[in-house]
PDB file of N, CA and C in Angstrom:
ATOM      1  N   ILE A   1      21.267  41.688  37.509  1.00  0.00           N
ATOM      2  CA  ILE A   1      21.749  40.771  36.489  1.00  0.00           C
ATOM      3  C   ILE A   1      20.798  39.579  36.437  1.00  0.00           C
ATOM      4  N   GLU A   2      20.292  39.311  35.259  1.00  0.00           N
ATOM      5  CA  GLU A   2      19.425  38.148  35.068  1.00  0.00           C
ATOM      6  C   GLU A   2      20.248  36.994  34.522  1.00  0.00           C
ATOM      7  N   PHE A   3      19.976  35.792  35.032  1.00  0.00           N
ATOM      8  CA  PHE A   3      20.661  34.605  34.541  1.00  0.00           C
ATOM      9  C   PHE A   3      19.808  33.380  34.837  1.00  0.00           C
ATOM     10  N   LEU A   4      20.115  32.311  34.184  1.00  0.00           N
ATOM     11  CA  LEU A   4      19.471  31.019  34.416  1.00  0.00           C
ATOM     12  C   LEU A   4      20.524  30.062  34.953  1.00  0.00           C
ATOM     13  N   TRP A   5      20.144  29.271  35.941  1.00  0.00           N
ATOM     14  CA  TRP A   5      21.032  28.229  36.440  1.00  0.00           C
ATOM     15  C   TRP A   5      20.488  26.921  35.892  1.00  0.00           C
ATOM     16  N   VAL A   6      21.253  26.239  35.085  1.00  0.00           N
ATOM     17  CA  VAL A   6      20.746  25.121  34.293  1.00  0.00           C
ATOM     18  C   VAL A   6      21.440  23.815  34.663  1.00  0.00           C
ATOM     19  N   TRP A   7      20.647  22.771  34.834  1.00  0.00           N
ATOM     20  CA  TRP A   7      21.175  21.409  34.957  1.00  0.00           C
ATOM     21  C   TRP A   7      20.997  20.796  33.581  1.00  0.00           C
ATOM     22  N   TRP A   8      22.076  20.622  32.876  1.00  0.00           N
ATOM     23  CA  TRP A   8      22.048  20.182  31.488  1.00  0.00           C
ATOM     24  C   TRP A   8      21.628  18.729  31.366  1.00  0.00           C
ATOM     25  N   PHE A   9      20.942  18.412  30.291  1.00  0.00           N
ATOM     26  CA  PHE A   9      20.682  17.023  29.931  1.00  0.00           C
ATOM     27  C   PHE A   9      21.900  16.484  29.193  1.00  0.00           C
ATOM     28  N   GLU A  10      22.027  15.158  29.161  1.00  0.00           N
ATOM     29  CA  GLU A  10      23.015  14.529  28.297  1.00  0.00           C
ATOM     30  C   GLU A  10      22.279  13.537  27.410  1.00  0.00           C
ATOM     31  N   TYR A  11      22.803  13.346  26.221  1.00  0.00           N
ATOM     32  CA  TYR A  11      22.193  12.432  25.255  1.00  0.00           C
ATOM     33  C   TYR A  11      22.370  11.004  25.748  1.00  0.00           C
ATOM     34  N   ASP A  12      21.301  10.245  25.718  1.00  0.00           N
ATOM     35  CA  ASP A  12      21.349   8.837  26.106  1.00  0.00           C
ATOM     36  C   ASP A  12      21.532   8.017  24.837  1.00  0.00           C
ATOM     37  N   GLY A  13      22.762   7.780  24.463  1.00  0.00           N
ATOM     38  CA  GLY A  13      23.065   7.089  23.212  1.00  0.00           C
ATOM     39  C   GLY A  13      23.175   5.585  23.356  1.00  0.00           C
ATOM     40  N   THR A  14      22.342   4.987  24.222  1.00  0.00           N
ATOM     41  CA  THR A  14      22.430   3.544  24.445  1.00  0.00           C
ATOM     42  C   THR A  14      21.830   2.735  23.299  1.00  0.00           C
ATOM     43  N   ARG A  15      21.082   3.389  22.446  1.00  0.00           N
ATOM     44  CA  ARG A  15      20.509   2.681  21.289  1.00  0.00           C
ATOM     45  C   ARG A  15      20.541   3.607  20.079  1.00  0.00           C
ATOM     46  N   LEU A  16      20.637   3.014  18.926  1.00  0.00           N
ATOM     47  CA  LEU A  16      20.669   3.771  17.681  1.00  0.00           C
ATOM     48  C   LEU A  16      19.249   4.180  17.305  1.00  0.00           C
ATOM     49  N   VAL A  17      19.041   5.470  17.118  1.00  0.00           N
ATOM     50  CA  VAL A  17      17.724   5.983  16.743  1.00  0.00           C
ATOM     51  C   VAL A  17      17.800   6.466  15.308  1.00  0.00           C
ATOM     52  N   GLN A  18      16.940   5.902  14.469  1.00  0.00           N
ATOM     53  CA  GLN A  18      16.874   6.304  13.074  1.00  0.00           C
ATOM     54  C   GLN A  18      15.449   6.714  12.744  1.00  0.00           C
ATOM     55  N   TRP A  19      15.321   7.505  11.685  1.00  0.00           N
ATOM     56  CA  TRP A  19      14.006   7.988  11.266  1.00  0.00           C
ATOM     57  C   TRP A  19      13.054   6.826  10.990  1.00  0.00           C
ATOM     58  N   ARG A  20      13.549   5.790  10.331  1.00  0.00           N
ATOM     59  CA  ARG A  20      12.697   4.644   9.987  1.00  0.00           C
ATOM     60  C   ARG A  20      12.275   3.831  11.207  1.00  0.00           C
ATOM     61  N   GLY A  21      13.077   3.889  12.270  1.00  0.00           N
ATOM     62  CA  GLY A  21      12.786   3.097  13.461  1.00  0.00           C
ATOM     63  C   GLY A  21      11.618   3.606  14.275  1.00  0.00           C
ATOM     64  N   ARG A  22      11.164   4.818  13.978  1.00  0.00           N
ATOM     65  CA  ARG A  22      10.015   5.429  14.659  1.00  0.00           C
ATOM     66  C   ARG A  22      10.193   5.451  16.182  1.00  0.00           C
ATOM     67  N   ARG A  23      11.385   5.795  16.610  1.00  0.00           N
ATOM     68  CA  ARG A  23      11.672   5.936  18.033  1.00  0.00           C
ATOM     69  C   ARG A  23      12.161   7.353  18.297  1.00  0.00           C
ATOM     70  N   LEU A  24      11.931   7.804  19.491  1.00  0.00           N
ATOM     71  CA  LEU A  24      12.363   9.143  19.875  1.00  0.00           C
ATOM     72  C   LEU A  24      13.753   9.094  20.509  1.00  0.00           C
ATOM     73  N   ASP A  25      14.551  10.128  20.263  1.00  0.00           N
ATOM     74  CA  ASP A  25      15.837  10.253  20.943  1.00  0.00           C
ATOM     75  C   ASP A  25      15.590  10.428  22.434  1.00  0.00           C
ATOM     76  N   SER A  26      16.546   9.985  23.243  1.00  0.00           N
ATOM     77  CA  SER A  26      16.392  10.045  24.694  1.00  0.00           C
ATOM     78  C   SER A  26      17.469  10.903  25.340  1.00  0.00           C
ATOM     79  N   LEU A  27      17.092  11.507  26.453  1.00  0.00           N
ATOM     80  CA  LEU A  27      17.990  12.321  27.267  1.00  0.00           C
ATOM     81  C   LEU A  27      17.923  11.842  28.706  1.00  0.00           C
ATOM     82  N   ARG A  28      18.946  12.199  29.469  1.00  0.00           N
ATOM     83  CA  ARG A  28      18.932  11.952  30.910  1.00  0.00           C
ATOM     84  C   ARG A  28      19.770  13.034  31.572  1.00  0.00           C
ATOM     85  N   PHE A  29      19.570  13.200  32.859  1.00  0.00           N
ATOM     86  CA  PHE A  29      20.407  14.126  33.603  1.00  0.00           C
ATOM     87  C   PHE A  29      21.708  13.424  33.952  1.00  0.00           C
ATOM     88  N   PRO A  30      22.846  14.111  33.803  1.00  0.00           N
ATOM     89  CA  PRO A  30      24.104  13.507  34.250  1.00  0.00           C
ATOM     90  C   PRO A  30      24.140  13.487  35.781  1.00  0.00           C
ATOM     91  N   PRO A  31      24.999  12.660  36.374  1.00  0.00           N
ATOM     92  CA  PRO A  31      25.126  12.667  37.839  1.00  0.00           C
ATOM     93  C   PRO A  31      25.452  14.074  38.352  1.00  0.00           C
ATOM     94  N   LEU A  32      24.966  14.392  39.543  1.00  0.00           N
ATOM     95  CA  LEU A  32      25.135  15.732  40.101  1.00  0.00           C
ATOM     96  C   LEU A  32      26.598  16.151  40.209  1.00  0.00           C
ATOM     97  N   ALA A  33      27.492  15.199  40.456  1.00  0.00           N
ATOM     98  CA  ALA A  33      28.912  15.514  40.652  1.00  0.00           C
ATOM     99  C   ALA A  33      29.689  15.633  39.341  1.00  0.00           C
ATOM    100  N   THR A  34      29.036  15.432  38.205  1.00  0.00           N
ATOM    101  CA  THR A  34      29.711  15.509  36.911  1.00  0.00           C
ATOM    102  C   THR A  34      30.164  16.937  36.625  1.00  0.00           C
ATOM    103  N   GLN A  35      31.404  17.067  36.167  1.00  0.00           N
ATOM    104  CA  GLN A  35      31.949  18.381  35.796  1.00  0.00           C
ATOM    105  C   GLN A  35      31.081  19.003  34.694  1.00  0.00           C
ATOM    106  N   GLY A  36      30.597  20.196  34.883  1.00  0.00           N
ATOM    107  CA  GLY A  36      29.804  20.886  33.874  1.00  0.00           C
ATOM    108  C   GLY A  36      28.336  20.501  33.850  1.00  0.00           C
ATOM    109  N   ALA A  37      27.876  19.710  34.820  1.00  0.00           N
ATOM    110  CA  ALA A  37      26.462  19.320  34.849  1.00  0.00           C
ATOM    111  C   ALA A  37      25.558  20.534  35.070  1.00  0.00           C
ATOM    112  N   PHE A  38      26.052  21.511  35.820  1.00  0.00           N
ATOM    113  CA  PHE A  38      25.318  22.746  36.089  1.00  0.00           C
ATOM    114  C   PHE A  38      26.114  23.919  35.541  1.00  0.00           C
ATOM    115  N   ARG A  39      25.400  24.874  34.960  1.00  0.00           N
ATOM    116  CA  ARG A  39      26.061  26.082  34.458  1.00  0.00           C
ATOM    117  C   ARG A  39      25.086  27.249  34.485  1.00  0.00           C
ATOM    118  N   PHE A  40      25.654  28.434  34.471  1.00  0.00           N
ATOM    119  CA  PHE A  40      24.853  29.646  34.356  1.00  0.00           C
ATOM    120  C   PHE A  40      24.731  30.011  32.885  1.00  0.00           C
ATOM    121  N   VAL A  41      23.540  30.496  32.494  1.00  0.00           N
ATOM    122  CA  VAL A  41      23.273  30.859  31.106  1.00  0.00           C
ATOM    123  C   VAL A  41      22.644  32.246  31.081  1.00  0.00           C
ATOM    124  N   ASP A  42      23.076  33.053  30.164  1.00  0.00           N
ATOM    125  CA  ASP A  42      22.473  34.366  29.944  1.00  0.00           C
ATOM    126  C   ASP A  42      21.123  34.142  29.257  1.00  0.00           C
ATOM    127  N   PRO A  43      20.018  34.663  29.786  1.00  0.00           N
ATOM    128  CA  PRO A  43      18.704  34.452  29.163  1.00  0.00           C
ATOM    129  C   PRO A  43      18.640  34.881  27.697  1.00  0.00           C
ATOM    130  N   ARG A  44      19.492  35.815  27.296  1.00  0.00           N
ATOM    131  CA  ARG A  44      19.496  36.243  25.893  1.00  0.00           C
ATOM    132  C   ARG A  44      20.035  35.157  24.971  1.00  0.00           C
ATOM    133  N   ASP A  45      20.701  34.160  25.529  1.00  0.00           N
ATOM    134  CA  ASP A  45      21.248  33.066  24.722  1.00  0.00           C
ATOM    135  C   ASP A  45      20.245  31.941  24.488  1.00  0.00           C
ATOM    136  N   MET A  46      19.066  32.033  25.078  1.00  0.00           N
ATOM    137  CA  MET A  46      18.040  31.007  24.892  1.00  0.00           C
ATOM    138  C   MET A  46      17.367  31.232  23.543  1.00  0.00           C
ATOM    139  N   LEU A  47      17.410  30.232  22.688  1.00  0.00           N
ATOM    140  CA  LEU A  47      16.896  30.395  21.330  1.00  0.00           C
ATOM    141  C   LEU A  47      15.449  29.960  21.178  1.00  0.00           C
ATOM    142  N   ARG A  48      15.137  28.768  21.641  1.00  0.00           N
ATOM    143  CA  ARG A  48      13.779  28.261  21.499  1.00  0.00           C
ATOM    144  C   ARG A  48      13.540  27.141  22.486  1.00  0.00           C
ATOM    145  N   GLY A  49      12.305  26.767  22.618  1.00  0.00           N
ATOM    146  CA  GLY A  49      11.947  25.701  23.539  1.00  0.00           C
ATOM    147  C   GLY A  49      11.967  24.348  22.868  1.00  0.00           C
ATOM    148  N   CYS A  50      11.720  23.340  23.644  1.00  0.00           N
ATOM    149  CA  CYS A  50      11.607  21.981  23.117  1.00  0.00           C
ATOM    150  C   CYS A  50      10.574  21.239  23.954  1.00  0.00           C
ATOM    151  N   HIS A  51      10.121  20.136  23.462  1.00  0.00           N
ATOM    152  CA  HIS A  51       9.095  19.358  24.135  1.00  0.00           C
ATOM    153  C   HIS A  51       9.721  18.052  24.600  1.00  0.00           C
ATOM    154  N   ILE A  52       9.898  17.912  25.900  1.00  0.00           N
ATOM    155  CA  ILE A  52      10.541  16.732  26.473  1.00  0.00           C
ATOM    156  C   ILE A  52       9.518  15.990  27.324  1.00  0.00           C
ATOM    157  N   ILE A  53       9.419  14.678  27.108  1.00  0.00           N
ATOM    158  CA  ILE A  53       8.428  13.835  27.765  1.00  0.00           C
ATOM    159  C   ILE A  53       9.139  12.837  28.673  1.00  0.00           C
ATOM    160  N   PRO A  54       8.709  12.681  29.929  1.00  0.00           N
ATOM    161  CA  PRO A  54       9.308  11.644  30.768  1.00  0.00           C
ATOM    162  C   PRO A  54       9.075  10.259  30.158  1.00  0.00           C
ATOM    163  N   ALA A  55      10.088   9.406  30.236  1.00  0.00           N
ATOM    164  CA  ALA A  55       9.946   8.012  29.793  1.00  0.00           C
ATOM    165  C   ALA A  55       9.357   7.249  30.982  1.00  0.00           C
ATOM    166  N   PHE A  56       8.043   7.258  31.087  1.00  0.00           N
ATOM    167  CA  PHE A  56       7.356   6.701  32.249  1.00  0.00           C
ATOM    168  C   PHE A  56       7.698   5.234  32.479  1.00  0.00           C
ATOM    169  N   THR A  57       7.911   4.479  31.417  1.00  0.00           N
ATOM    170  CA  THR A  57       8.207   3.049  31.567  1.00  0.00           C
ATOM    171  C   THR A  57       9.572   2.794  32.197  1.00  0.00           C
ATOM    172  N   LYS A  58      10.472   3.771  32.153  1.00  0.00           N
ATOM    173  CA  LYS A  58      11.810   3.618  32.753  1.00  0.00           C
ATOM    174  C   LYS A  58      11.801   3.915  34.250  1.00  0.00           C
ATOM    175  N   GLY A  59      10.741   4.558  34.733  1.00  0.00           N
ATOM    176  CA  GLY A  59      10.607   4.821  36.162  1.00  0.00           C
ATOM    177  C   GLY A  59      11.299   6.086  36.635  1.00  0.00           C
ATOM    178  N   LYS A  60      11.146   6.329  37.932  1.00  0.00           N
ATOM    179  CA  LYS A  60      11.750   7.496  38.576  1.00  0.00           C
ATOM    180  C   LYS A  60      13.223   7.235  38.862  1.00  0.00           C
ATOM    181  N   HIS A  61      13.992   8.313  38.891  1.00  0.00           N
ATOM    182  CA  HIS A  61      15.424   8.203  39.177  1.00  0.00           C
ATOM    183  C   HIS A  61      15.656   7.830  40.641  1.00  0.00           C
ATOM    184  N   HIS A  62      14.879   8.411  41.544  1.00  0.00           N
ATOM    185  CA  HIS A  62      14.952   8.098  42.977  1.00  0.00           C
ATOM    186  C   HIS A  62      13.597   7.523  43.381  1.00  0.00           C
ATOM    187  N   LEU A  63      13.550   6.238  43.645  1.00  0.00           N
ATOM    188  CA  LEU A  63      12.280   5.582  43.944  1.00  0.00           C
ATOM    189  C   LEU A  63      11.621   6.129  45.208  1.00  0.00           C
ATOM    190  N   ASP A  64      12.417   6.586  46.170  1.00  0.00           N
ATOM    191  CA  ASP A  64      11.848   7.110  47.411  1.00  0.00           C
ATOM    192  C   ASP A  64      11.419   8.575  47.302  1.00  0.00           C
ATOM    193  N   GLY A  65      11.754   9.236  46.187  1.00  0.00           N
ATOM    194  CA  GLY A  65      11.352  10.620  45.967  1.00  0.00           C
ATOM    195  C   GLY A  65      12.112  11.644  46.784  1.00  0.00           C
ATOM    196  N   VAL A  66      13.206  11.217  47.427  1.00  0.00           N
ATOM    197  CA  VAL A  66      13.989  12.118  48.271  1.00  0.00           C
ATOM    198  C   VAL A  66      15.061  12.812  47.436  1.00  0.00           C
ATOM    199  N   ASN A  67      15.194  14.118  47.611  1.00  0.00           N
ATOM    200  CA  ASN A  67      16.219  14.895  46.903  1.00  0.00           C
ATOM    201  C   ASN A  67      17.609  14.546  47.408  1.00  0.00           C
ATOM    202  N   ILE A  68      18.552  14.447  46.494  1.00  0.00           N
ATOM    203  CA  ILE A  68      19.958  14.389  46.882  1.00  0.00           C
ATOM    204  C   ILE A  68      20.454  15.814  47.056  1.00  0.00           C
ATOM    205  N   SER A  69      19.963  16.711  46.205  1.00  0.00           N
ATOM    206  CA  SER A  69      20.367  18.114  46.255  1.00  0.00           C
ATOM    207  C   SER A  69      19.141  18.992  46.465  1.00  0.00           C
ATOM    208  N   SER A  70      19.188  19.812  47.497  1.00  0.00           N
ATOM    209  CA  SER A  70      18.066  20.730  47.724  1.00  0.00           C
ATOM    210  C   SER A  70      18.027  21.827  46.660  1.00  0.00           C
ATOM    211  N   CYS A  71      19.168  22.094  46.023  1.00  0.00           N
ATOM    212  CA  CYS A  71      19.217  23.098  44.950  1.00  0.00           C
ATOM    213  C   CYS A  71      18.658  22.548  43.640  1.00  0.00           C
ATOM    214  N   ALA A  72      18.974  21.293  43.335  1.00  0.00           N
ATOM    215  CA  ALA A  72      18.559  20.707  42.058  1.00  0.00           C
ATOM    216  C   ALA A  72      17.134  20.173  42.090  1.00  0.00           C
ATOM    217  N   HIS A  73      16.592  19.941  43.276  1.00  0.00           N
ATOM    218  CA  HIS A  73      15.237  19.386  43.405  1.00  0.00           C
ATOM    219  C   HIS A  73      15.089  18.137  42.534  1.00  0.00           C
ATOM    220  N   ASP A  74      15.988  17.197  42.695  1.00  0.00           N
ATOM    221  CA  ASP A  74      16.046  16.025  41.828  1.00  0.00           C
ATOM    222  C   ASP A  74      15.200  14.853  42.311  1.00  0.00           C
ATOM    223  N   GLY A  75      14.476  14.982  43.394  1.00  0.00           N
ATOM    224  CA  GLY A  75      13.709  13.873  43.950  1.00  0.00           C
ATOM    225  C   GLY A  75      12.584  13.378  43.065  1.00  0.00           C
ATOM    226  N   LYS A  76      12.066  14.220  42.198  1.00  0.00           N
ATOM    227  CA  LYS A  76      10.945  13.824  41.342  1.00  0.00           C
ATOM    228  C   LYS A  76      11.361  13.581  39.891  1.00  0.00           C
ATOM    229  N   ASP A  77      12.662  13.538  39.633  1.00  0.00           N
ATOM    230  CA  ASP A  77      13.154  13.349  38.263  1.00  0.00           C
ATOM    231  C   ASP A  77      12.913  11.929  37.778  1.00  0.00           C
ATOM    232  N   TRP A  78      12.736  11.811  36.479  1.00  0.00           N
ATOM    233  CA  TRP A  78      12.591  10.513  35.841  1.00  0.00           C
ATOM    234  C   TRP A  78      13.961  10.024  35.390  1.00  0.00           C
ATOM    235  N   THR A  79      14.098   8.727  35.200  1.00  0.00           N
ATOM    236  CA  THR A  79      15.369   8.141  34.779  1.00  0.00           C
ATOM    237  C   THR A  79      15.773   8.630  33.402  1.00  0.00           C
ATOM    238  N   CYS A  80      14.803   8.784  32.527  1.00  0.00           N
ATOM    239  CA  CYS A  80      15.081   9.103  31.130  1.00  0.00           C
ATOM    240  C   CYS A  80      13.932   9.955  30.585  1.00  0.00           C
ATOM    241  N   TYR A  81      14.224  10.747  29.557  1.00  0.00           N
ATOM    242  CA  TYR A  81      13.227  11.601  28.910  1.00  0.00           C
ATOM    243  C   TYR A  81      13.329  11.425  27.401  1.00  0.00           C
ATOM    244  N   HIS A  82      12.209  11.591  26.703  1.00  0.00           N
ATOM    245  CA  HIS A  82      12.193  11.511  25.242  1.00  0.00           C
ATOM    246  C   HIS A  82      12.055  12.918  24.656  1.00  0.00           C
ATOM    247  N   ILE A  83      12.744  13.154  23.544  1.00  0.00           N
ATOM    248  CA  ILE A  83      12.611  14.414  22.819  1.00  0.00           C
ATOM    249  C   ILE A  83      11.456  14.246  21.840  1.00  0.00           C
ATOM    250  N   ASN A  84      10.380  14.978  22.050  1.00  0.00           N
ATOM    251  CA  ASN A  84       9.214  14.862  21.174  1.00  0.00           C
ATOM    252  C   ASN A  84       9.373  15.814  19.998  1.00  0.00           C
ATOM    253  N   GLN A  85       9.978  15.318  18.943  1.00  0.00           N
ATOM    254  CA  GLN A  85      10.170  16.148  17.754  1.00  0.00           C
ATOM    255  C   GLN A  85       8.900  16.230  16.915  1.00  0.00           C
ATOM    256  N   PHE A  86       7.845  15.540  17.336  1.00  0.00           N
ATOM    257  CA  PHE A  86       6.593  15.527  16.585  1.00  0.00           C
ATOM    258  C   PHE A  86       5.515  16.381  17.244  1.00  0.00           C
ATOM    259  N   ALA A  87       5.888  17.302  18.139  1.00  0.00           N
ATOM    260  CA  ALA A  87       4.903  18.128  18.844  1.00  0.00           C
ATOM    261  C   ALA A  87       4.047  18.933  17.869  1.00  0.00           C
ATOM    262  N   ASP A  88       4.651  19.458  16.833  1.00  0.00           N
ATOM    263  CA  ASP A  88       3.914  20.103  15.749  1.00  0.00           C
ATOM    264  C   ASP A  88       4.792  20.077  14.500  1.00  0.00           C
ATOM    265  N   ARG A  89       4.234  20.451  13.372  1.00  0.00           N
ATOM    266  CA  ARG A  89       4.964  20.317  12.108  1.00  0.00           C
ATOM    267  C   ARG A  89       6.211  21.196  12.056  1.00  0.00           C
ATOM    268  N   ASP A  90       6.146  22.378  12.681  1.00  0.00           N
ATOM    269  CA  ASP A  90       7.319  23.253  12.670  1.00  0.00           C
ATOM    270  C   ASP A  90       8.474  22.637  13.449  1.00  0.00           C
ATOM    271  N   MET A  91       8.166  22.043  14.596  1.00  0.00           N
ATOM    272  CA  MET A  91       9.211  21.420  15.394  1.00  0.00           C
ATOM    273  C   MET A  91       9.784  20.205  14.670  1.00  0.00           C
ATOM    274  N   LEU A  92       8.940  19.439  14.024  1.00  0.00           N
ATOM    275  CA  LEU A  92       9.401  18.277  13.263  1.00  0.00           C
ATOM    276  C   LEU A  92      10.356  18.708  12.162  1.00  0.00           C
ATOM    277  N   MET A  93      10.015  19.747  11.446  1.00  0.00           N
ATOM    278  CA  MET A  93      10.817  20.149  10.295  1.00  0.00           C
ATOM    279  C   MET A  93      12.153  20.777  10.685  1.00  0.00           C
ATOM    280  N   GLN A  94      12.294  21.247  11.913  1.00  0.00           N
ATOM    281  CA  GLN A  94      13.587  21.818  12.303  1.00  0.00           C
ATOM    282  C   GLN A  94      14.669  20.749  12.373  1.00  0.00           C
ATOM    283  N   TYR A  95      14.285  19.480  12.441  1.00  0.00           N
ATOM    284  CA  TYR A  95      15.261  18.391  12.466  1.00  0.00           C
ATOM    285  C   TYR A  95      15.680  17.958  11.064  1.00  0.00           C
ATOM    286  N   HIS A  96      15.070  18.525  10.056  1.00  0.00           N
ATOM    287  CA  HIS A  96      15.405  18.195   8.667  1.00  0.00           C
ATOM    288  C   HIS A  96      16.064  19.402   8.024  1.00  0.00           C
ATOM    289  N   TRP A  97      17.321  19.256   7.651  1.00  0.00           N
ATOM    290  CA  TRP A  97      18.087  20.361   7.100  1.00  0.00           C
ATOM    291  C   TRP A  97      17.400  20.912   5.854  1.00  0.00           C
ATOM    292  N   GLY A  98      17.195  22.211   5.856  1.00  0.00           N
ATOM    293  CA  GLY A  98      16.625  22.884   4.698  1.00  0.00           C
ATOM    294  C   GLY A  98      15.114  22.963   4.683  1.00  0.00           C
ATOM    295  N   LEU A  99      14.450  22.360   5.667  1.00  0.00           N
ATOM    296  CA  LEU A  99      12.993  22.352   5.653  1.00  0.00           C
ATOM    297  C   LEU A  99      12.370  23.141   6.803  1.00  0.00           C
ATOM    298  N   GLY A 100      13.188  23.755   7.654  1.00  0.00           N
ATOM    299  CA  GLY A 100      12.672  24.527   8.781  1.00  0.00           C
ATOM    300  C   GLY A 100      11.874  25.732   8.314  1.00  0.00           C
ATOM    301  N   VAL A 101      10.803  26.055   9.020  1.00  0.00           N
ATOM    302  CA  VAL A 101       9.937  27.173   8.666  1.00  0.00           C
ATOM    303  C   VAL A 101      10.735  28.470   8.716  1.00  0.00           C
ATOM    304  N   GLY A 102      10.683  29.242   7.634  1.00  0.00           N
ATOM    305  CA  GLY A 102      11.371  30.516   7.558  1.00  0.00           C
ATOM    306  C   GLY A 102      12.859  30.413   7.296  1.00  0.00           C
ATOM    307  N   HIS A 103      13.355  29.210   7.070  1.00  0.00           N
ATOM    308  CA  HIS A 103      14.783  29.029   6.815  1.00  0.00           C
ATOM    309  C   HIS A 103      15.023  28.930   5.316  1.00  0.00           C
ATOM    310  N   VAL A 104      15.983  29.673   4.843  1.00  0.00           N
ATOM    311  CA  VAL A 104      16.335  29.644   3.428  1.00  0.00           C
ATOM    312  C   VAL A 104      17.781  29.172   3.324  1.00  0.00           C
ATOM    313  N   TYR A 105      18.004  28.140   2.550  1.00  0.00           N
ATOM    314  CA  TYR A 105      19.348  27.593   2.385  1.00  0.00           C
ATOM    315  C   TYR A 105      19.730  27.658   0.916  1.00  0.00           C
ATOM    316  N   SER A 106      20.974  27.909   0.665  1.00  0.00           N
ATOM    317  CA  SER A 106      21.448  27.867  -0.720  1.00  0.00           C
ATOM    318  C   SER A 106      22.078  26.505  -0.957  1.00  0.00           C
ATOM    319  N   HIS A 107      21.870  25.992  -2.130  1.00  0.00           N
ATOM    320  CA  HIS A 107      22.403  24.655  -2.450  1.00  0.00           C
ATOM    321  C   HIS A 107      23.498  24.777  -3.480  1.00  0.00           C
TER     322      HIS A 107
END
């Protein structure tokens, strides 16, 4: 049986991100003890990848680099990550309804 064990990101909604503001949406890992922070996923349910960039200016989550969980390997995690929706034109357009490559919508 093939499966993925995933530590989910959560949306960091501490600031309003708008298209005009030219800022990237942010993600962070929820605390390890949070209900549903980890789950198993069937690899067939994976649809596509994404480009996530560490928010270097926010720093590391654990300054000493020591893991809290040997399973999660969280010692090198960053405090926050940015969703790079501008990695290429196809990825950018998937965030705009009706403009995704190969997508046909009826109006």
